[in-house]
């Protein structure tokens, strides 16, 4: 009887420990990632796709430098601020506000009020398209009050981040009719690995970027406009030729992003590694310039890919 009871107790203990492990990973997995990221950031480069629901927010950390690209809606500002603080950041060297839609710039006000900011890079917008909403006005007021240097996004500019570099690719033209097409395009490169960010750039701007003959090949591509079918045309995706794509989208979003049409194009091109913030939560890419490791907040296990570009 004692032996039987001991066996039952042993099974119960194993079960209890398994439950505790699952709960710990589910609720504290982000803390594990934070520790790993801080260690890896000292040896190479990390690119974070921060889950801000239906909005964009990316962070590059490399050799003591940091670049924040967008920050989601205004109510996600606290999420972004806490994420940066958890990484131990005190300063953001560059902020790129890709274009003045609230799901991209809304949280920047909170970031600026909580960190020292070196420069803010923004596209020049024609007066007829300049937003009149409170979010944009408050952002401009905060920039002025904090005496932060604003740099116009100019094709060909390069941000020196030590060994890595970030090339500004666009906007190309100044006469688009859609505010999305004024999105800042940027190619971040470290040794043989590159990441492409194009905000909400749509068809006209994609065509102009292709015609500019600039290098847009990238190992990781953030799907433009959250994976909308008005962006991410087949010709553009072929030119980028990514191994990984990331869609920054909200769960069950009304826009149905990423769109089935875009997912079908990616599938037809053999691009299978698609990450989504609505499914994966925060997504972190770490690279030493030769290999890429991916860590997600939810579900997926770390992966590694070798490149020869």
Protein backbone atom coordinates (compact mmCIF):
# COMPACT_ATOMS: atom_id res chain seq x y z
CA UNK A 1 0.00 0.00 0.00
CA UNK A 2 2.83 2.39 0.92
CA UNK A 3 4.59 1.64 -2.37
CA UNK A 4 1.39 2.31 -4.30
CA UNK A 5 0.80 5.60 -2.49
CA UNK A 6 4.40 6.63 -3.16
CA UNK A 7 3.90 5.93 -6.86
CA UNK A 8 0.77 8.11 -6.90
CA UNK A 9 2.62 10.85 -5.02
CA UNK A 10 5.49 10.65 -7.51
CA UNK A 11 3.08 11.01 -10.46
CA UNK A 12 1.37 13.96 -8.74
CA UNK A 13 4.69 15.73 -8.12
CA UNK A 14 5.73 15.34 -11.77
CA UNK A 15 2.34 16.65 -12.91
CA UNK A 16 2.51 19.61 -10.51
CA UNK A 17 6.02 20.54 -11.64
CA UNK A 18 4.94 20.36 -15.29
CA UNK A 19 2.02 22.69 -14.62
CA UNK A 20 4.28 25.13 -12.76
CA UNK A 21 6.78 25.10 -15.64
CA UNK A 22 4.07 25.87 -18.22
CA UNK A 23 2.66 28.66 -16.07
CA UNK A 24 6.10 30.11 -15.47
CA UNK A 25 6.93 30.11 -19.18
CA UNK A 26 3.57 31.58 -20.11
CA UNK A 27 3.63 34.42 -17.63
CA UNK A 28 7.36 35.02 -17.28
CA UNK A 29 8.66 33.96 -20.68
CA UNK A 30 9.04 37.61 -21.63
CA UNK A 31 11.43 38.08 -18.70
CA UNK A 32 13.54 35.18 -19.96
CA UNK A 33 13.68 36.85 -23.37
CA UNK A 34 14.67 40.17 -21.80
CA UNK A 35 17.67 38.60 -20.10
CA UNK A 36 18.79 36.83 -23.28
CA UNK A 37 18.36 39.95 -25.38
CA UNK A 38 20.49 42.08 -23.09
CA UNK A 39 23.31 39.54 -23.23
CA UNK A 40 23.08 39.04 -27.01
CA UNK A 41 22.90 42.78 -27.69
CA UNK A 42 26.45 43.12 -26.38
CA UNK A 43 27.73 40.60 -28.94
CA UNK A 44 25.71 41.42 -32.05
CA UNK A 45 22.51 43.01 -33.20
CA UNK A 46 18.91 42.65 -32.07
CA UNK A 47 15.84 43.77 -33.98
CA UNK A 48 12.63 43.73 -31.96
CA UNK A 49 9.14 43.77 -33.40
CA UNK A 50 7.13 44.97 -30.42
CA UNK A 51 3.52 43.86 -30.14
CA UNK A 52 1.39 47.03 -30.12
CA UNK A 53 -1.77 45.41 -31.48
CA UNK A 54 -2.85 46.93 -34.81
CA UNK A 55 0.15 49.21 -35.20
CA UNK A 56 3.86 49.29 -35.96
CA UNK A 57 6.81 49.42 -33.58
CA UNK A 58 10.34 48.17 -34.20
CA UNK A 59 13.50 48.61 -32.15
CA UNK A 60 17.08 48.09 -33.29
CA UNK A 61 19.79 47.69 -30.64
CA UNK A 62 23.43 47.35 -31.66
CA UNK A 63 26.70 48.09 -29.91
CA UNK A 64 25.28 50.72 -27.59
CA UNK A 65 23.12 52.37 -30.26
CA UNK A 66 19.34 52.22 -30.44
CA UNK A 67 16.86 53.08 -33.18
CA UNK A 68 13.10 53.10 -32.59
CA UNK A 69 10.84 52.95 -35.64
CA UNK A 70 7.28 54.04 -34.78
CA UNK A 71 5.46 53.27 -31.53
CA UNK A 72 1.87 52.22 -32.24
CA UNK A 73 -1.27 54.07 -31.14
CA UNK A 74 -1.23 56.57 -28.27
CA UNK A 75 -2.54 54.04 -25.73
CA UNK A 76 0.40 51.75 -26.58
CA UNK A 77 2.96 54.33 -25.52
CA UNK A 78 3.16 52.85 -22.03
CA UNK A 79 3.76 49.39 -23.54
CA UNK A 80 6.67 50.66 -25.61
CA UNK A 81 8.15 52.67 -22.75
CA UNK A 82 8.06 49.66 -20.43
CA UNK A 83 9.60 47.42 -23.09
CA UNK A 84 12.52 49.82 -23.56
CA UNK A 85 13.01 50.21 -19.82
CA UNK A 86 13.04 46.43 -19.39
CA UNK A 87 15.98 46.36 -21.82
CA UNK A 88 17.80 48.87 -19.65
CA UNK A 89 17.71 51.67 -22.22
CA UNK A 90 18.24 55.22 -21.00
CA UNK A 91 18.51 56.89 -24.38
CA UNK A 92 17.11 56.38 -27.88
CA UNK A 93 19.66 57.61 -30.39
CA UNK A 94 17.27 57.82 -33.31
CA UNK A 95 13.51 57.72 -33.69
CA UNK A 96 12.08 57.20 -37.16
CA UNK A 97 8.48 58.33 -37.43
CA UNK A 98 7.69 56.67 -40.75
CA UNK A 99 4.58 58.76 -41.44
CA UNK A 100 2.01 60.64 -39.33
CA UNK A 101 -0.75 58.06 -38.95
CA UNK A 102 -1.72 57.48 -35.34
CA UNK A 103 -1.08 53.72 -35.40
CA UNK A 104 2.57 54.56 -36.06
CA UNK A 105 3.29 57.80 -34.17
CA UNK A 106 0.69 57.65 -31.39
CA UNK A 107 3.01 56.22 -28.74
CA UNK A 108 6.03 58.38 -29.58
CA UNK A 109 4.94 61.16 -27.23
CA UNK A 110 5.30 58.81 -24.27
CA UNK A 111 8.71 57.64 -25.47
CA UNK A 112 10.02 61.19 -25.86
CA UNK A 113 8.78 62.09 -22.38
CA UNK A 114 10.55 59.11 -20.80
CA UNK A 115 13.89 58.89 -22.62
CA UNK A 116 16.64 61.12 -23.90
CA UNK A 117 16.27 61.22 -27.67
CA UNK A 118 19.09 62.10 -30.05
CA UNK A 119 17.25 62.79 -33.31
CA UNK A 120 13.88 62.24 -34.88
CA UNK A 121 13.69 61.40 -38.58
CA UNK A 122 10.45 62.25 -40.36
CA UNK A 123 9.33 62.52 -43.99
CA UNK A 124 8.45 65.86 -45.51
CA UNK A 125 4.67 65.92 -45.97
CA UNK A 126 2.92 68.34 -48.37
CA UNK A 127 0.69 70.80 -46.58
CA UNK A 128 -2.46 69.39 -48.18
CA UNK A 129 -1.84 66.02 -46.46
CA UNK A 130 -0.56 67.21 -43.08
CA UNK A 131 -2.81 65.67 -40.37
CA UNK A 132 -4.80 67.97 -38.11
CA UNK A 133 -5.47 65.39 -35.37
CA UNK A 134 -4.53 66.01 -31.73
CA UNK A 135 -2.01 63.14 -31.65
CA UNK A 136 0.17 64.65 -34.38
CA UNK A 137 -0.09 68.17 -32.98
CA UNK A 138 0.95 67.02 -29.50
CA UNK A 139 3.89 65.08 -30.92
CA UNK A 140 5.18 68.19 -32.70
CA UNK A 141 4.69 70.27 -29.55
CA UNK A 142 6.62 67.76 -27.47
CA UNK A 143 9.48 67.67 -30.00
CA UNK A 144 9.70 71.46 -29.85
CA UNK A 145 9.46 71.64 -26.05
CA UNK A 146 12.15 68.98 -25.61
CA UNK A 147 14.42 70.71 -28.16
CA UNK A 148 14.90 67.49 -30.11
CA UNK A 149 16.66 67.71 -33.44
CA UNK A 150 14.43 66.79 -36.39
CA UNK A 151 15.98 65.43 -39.56
CA UNK A 152 14.09 65.19 -42.80
CA UNK A 153 14.17 61.69 -44.29
CA UNK A 154 16.27 62.05 -47.44
CA UNK A 155 17.04 59.25 -49.86
CA UNK A 156 20.71 58.30 -49.60
CA UNK A 157 21.25 59.39 -45.99
CA UNK A 158 23.06 56.87 -43.81
CA UNK A 159 22.83 56.56 -40.03
CA UNK A 160 26.14 55.42 -38.61
CA UNK A 161 25.51 52.87 -35.86
CA UNK A 162 29.09 51.67 -35.45
CA UNK A 163 29.71 48.68 -37.69
CA UNK A 164 26.02 48.34 -38.68
CA UNK A 165 24.39 51.00 -40.84
CA UNK A 166 20.90 52.17 -41.64
CA UNK A 167 20.28 53.54 -45.14
CA UNK A 168 17.33 55.83 -45.81
CA UNK A 169 15.74 54.69 -49.09
CA UNK A 170 12.74 57.00 -49.33
CA UNK A 171 10.25 58.49 -49.75
CA UNK A 172 11.29 58.93 -53.36
CA UNK A 173 8.74 61.50 -54.56
CA UNK A 174 7.10 64.56 -53.04
CA UNK A 175 3.78 64.49 -54.88
CA UNK A 176 2.00 61.34 -53.72
CA UNK A 177 -1.72 61.56 -53.07
CA UNK A 178 -1.70 58.98 -50.27
CA UNK A 179 -0.02 59.70 -46.93
CA UNK A 180 1.08 56.06 -46.70
CA UNK A 181 3.34 56.49 -49.73
CA UNK A 182 5.39 59.09 -47.85
CA UNK A 183 6.50 56.39 -45.41
CA UNK A 184 10.20 56.37 -44.65
CA UNK A 185 11.93 53.37 -46.21
CA UNK A 186 15.02 52.11 -44.40
CA UNK A 187 17.46 49.24 -44.93
CA UNK A 188 19.36 48.17 -41.81
CA UNK A 189 22.48 46.11 -42.50
CA UNK A 190 25.01 44.30 -40.35
CA UNK A 191 27.72 42.37 -42.20
CA UNK A 192 25.82 39.87 -44.39
CA UNK A 193 22.37 40.29 -42.83
CA UNK A 194 19.82 43.00 -43.58
CA UNK A 195 16.34 44.12 -42.51
CA UNK A 196 13.94 46.21 -44.60
CA UNK A 197 11.32 48.57 -43.13
CA UNK A 198 8.89 50.51 -45.33
CA UNK A 199 6.14 51.65 -42.94
CA UNK A 200 2.81 51.70 -44.77
CA UNK A 201 4.33 52.21 -48.23
CA UNK A 202 1.84 51.27 -50.95
CA UNK A 203 1.94 50.39 -54.63
CA UNK A 204 3.06 53.73 -56.11
CA UNK A 205 5.89 54.16 -53.63
CA UNK A 206 6.96 50.51 -54.03
CA UNK A 207 7.18 51.03 -57.79
CA UNK A 208 9.26 54.17 -57.35
CA UNK A 209 11.55 52.42 -54.90
CA UNK A 210 12.07 49.59 -57.38
CA UNK A 211 12.76 52.07 -60.19
CA UNK A 212 15.30 53.92 -58.05
CA UNK A 213 17.61 50.88 -58.43
CA UNK A 214 18.58 51.01 -54.77
CA UNK A 215 19.44 47.79 -53.00
CA UNK A 216 16.33 46.49 -51.25
CA UNK A 217 17.33 42.85 -50.85
CA UNK A 218 16.77 41.84 -47.24
CA UNK A 219 16.80 38.72 -45.14
CA UNK A 220 13.97 40.06 -42.97
CA UNK A 221 11.14 42.22 -44.32
CA UNK A 222 8.46 43.89 -42.26
CA UNK A 223 5.40 43.55 -44.45
CA UNK A 224 4.27 47.03 -45.44
CA UNK A 225 0.97 48.41 -44.19
CA UNK A 226 0.53 45.43 -41.85
CA UNK A 227 0.36 43.04 -44.80
CA UNK A 228 -2.31 44.95 -46.73
CA UNK A 229 -3.14 43.95 -50.31
CA UNK A 230 -2.58 47.59 -51.37
CA UNK A 231 1.09 47.00 -50.56
CA UNK A 232 3.52 44.10 -50.93
CA UNK A 233 3.08 43.51 -54.65
CA UNK A 234 4.68 40.39 -56.11
CA UNK A 235 7.35 42.27 -58.07
CA UNK A 236 8.43 44.14 -54.95
CA UNK A 237 8.53 41.01 -52.81
CA UNK A 238 10.55 39.24 -55.49
CA UNK A 239 13.10 42.05 -55.41
CA UNK A 240 13.34 41.98 -51.61
CA UNK A 241 13.56 38.17 -51.62
CA UNK A 242 13.29 37.79 -47.83
CA UNK A 243 13.77 34.62 -45.84
CA UNK A 244 11.60 35.99 -43.03
CA UNK A 245 8.59 38.31 -43.08
CA UNK A 246 6.91 39.98 -40.11
CA UNK A 247 3.32 41.24 -40.01
CA UNK A 248 2.56 43.66 -37.17
CA UNK A 249 -1.16 43.22 -36.69
CA UNK A 250 -3.85 43.07 -34.04
CA UNK A 251 -5.76 39.91 -33.25
CA UNK A 252 -8.96 39.61 -35.31
CA UNK A 253 -8.39 43.08 -36.77
CA UNK A 254 -11.20 44.50 -38.89
CA UNK A 255 -8.84 45.03 -41.85
CA UNK A 256 -8.11 41.28 -42.04
CA UNK A 257 -4.40 41.98 -42.08
CA UNK A 258 -2.26 40.30 -43.22
CA UNK A 259 -4.38 39.89 -46.32
CA UNK A 260 -4.84 36.46 -47.89
CA UNK A 261 -3.67 37.82 -51.24
CA UNK A 262 -0.31 38.80 -49.74
CA UNK A 263 0.05 35.49 -47.91
CA UNK A 264 -0.65 33.67 -51.18
CA UNK A 265 2.02 35.69 -52.98
CA UNK A 266 4.54 34.87 -50.26
CA UNK A 267 3.63 31.21 -50.53
CA UNK A 268 4.02 31.25 -54.32
CA UNK A 269 7.50 32.74 -53.87
CA UNK A 270 8.47 30.04 -51.39
CA UNK A 271 8.64 32.44 -48.46
CA UNK A 272 7.43 30.28 -45.59
CA UNK A 273 8.84 31.96 -42.47
CA UNK A 274 6.09 34.44 -41.62
CA UNK A 275 5.84 35.83 -38.11
CA UNK A 276 2.85 37.78 -36.77
CA UNK A 277 2.53 39.82 -33.60
CA UNK A 278 -1.10 38.72 -33.19
CA UNK A 279 0.08 35.10 -32.99
CA UNK A 280 3.68 35.34 -31.79
CA UNK A 281 3.57 38.42 -29.54
CA UNK A 282 6.90 40.24 -29.36
CA UNK A 283 9.34 38.94 -31.98
CA UNK A 284 13.10 39.29 -31.57
CA UNK A 285 15.70 38.66 -34.26
CA UNK A 286 19.30 38.34 -33.12
CA UNK A 287 22.19 38.20 -35.58
CA UNK A 288 25.96 38.07 -35.49
CA UNK A 289 26.00 39.25 -39.08
CA UNK A 290 26.07 35.73 -40.51
CA UNK A 291 23.28 33.79 -38.81
CA UNK A 292 19.84 34.82 -37.64
CA UNK A 293 18.15 33.54 -34.50
CA UNK A 294 14.47 34.19 -33.86
CA UNK A 295 12.79 34.28 -30.47
CA UNK A 296 9.05 34.81 -30.05
CA UNK A 297 7.11 35.65 -26.93
CA UNK A 298 4.55 32.95 -27.63
CA UNK A 299 4.49 29.38 -28.99
CA UNK A 300 7.42 29.04 -31.36
CA UNK A 301 10.86 27.75 -30.48
CA UNK A 302 14.07 29.60 -31.42
CA UNK A 303 15.29 29.00 -34.98
CA UNK A 304 18.59 29.55 -36.75
CA UNK A 305 19.30 30.26 -40.39
CA UNK A 306 22.63 30.52 -42.24
CA UNK A 307 23.10 33.04 -45.03
CA UNK A 308 25.61 33.37 -47.83
CA UNK A 309 24.68 36.75 -49.28
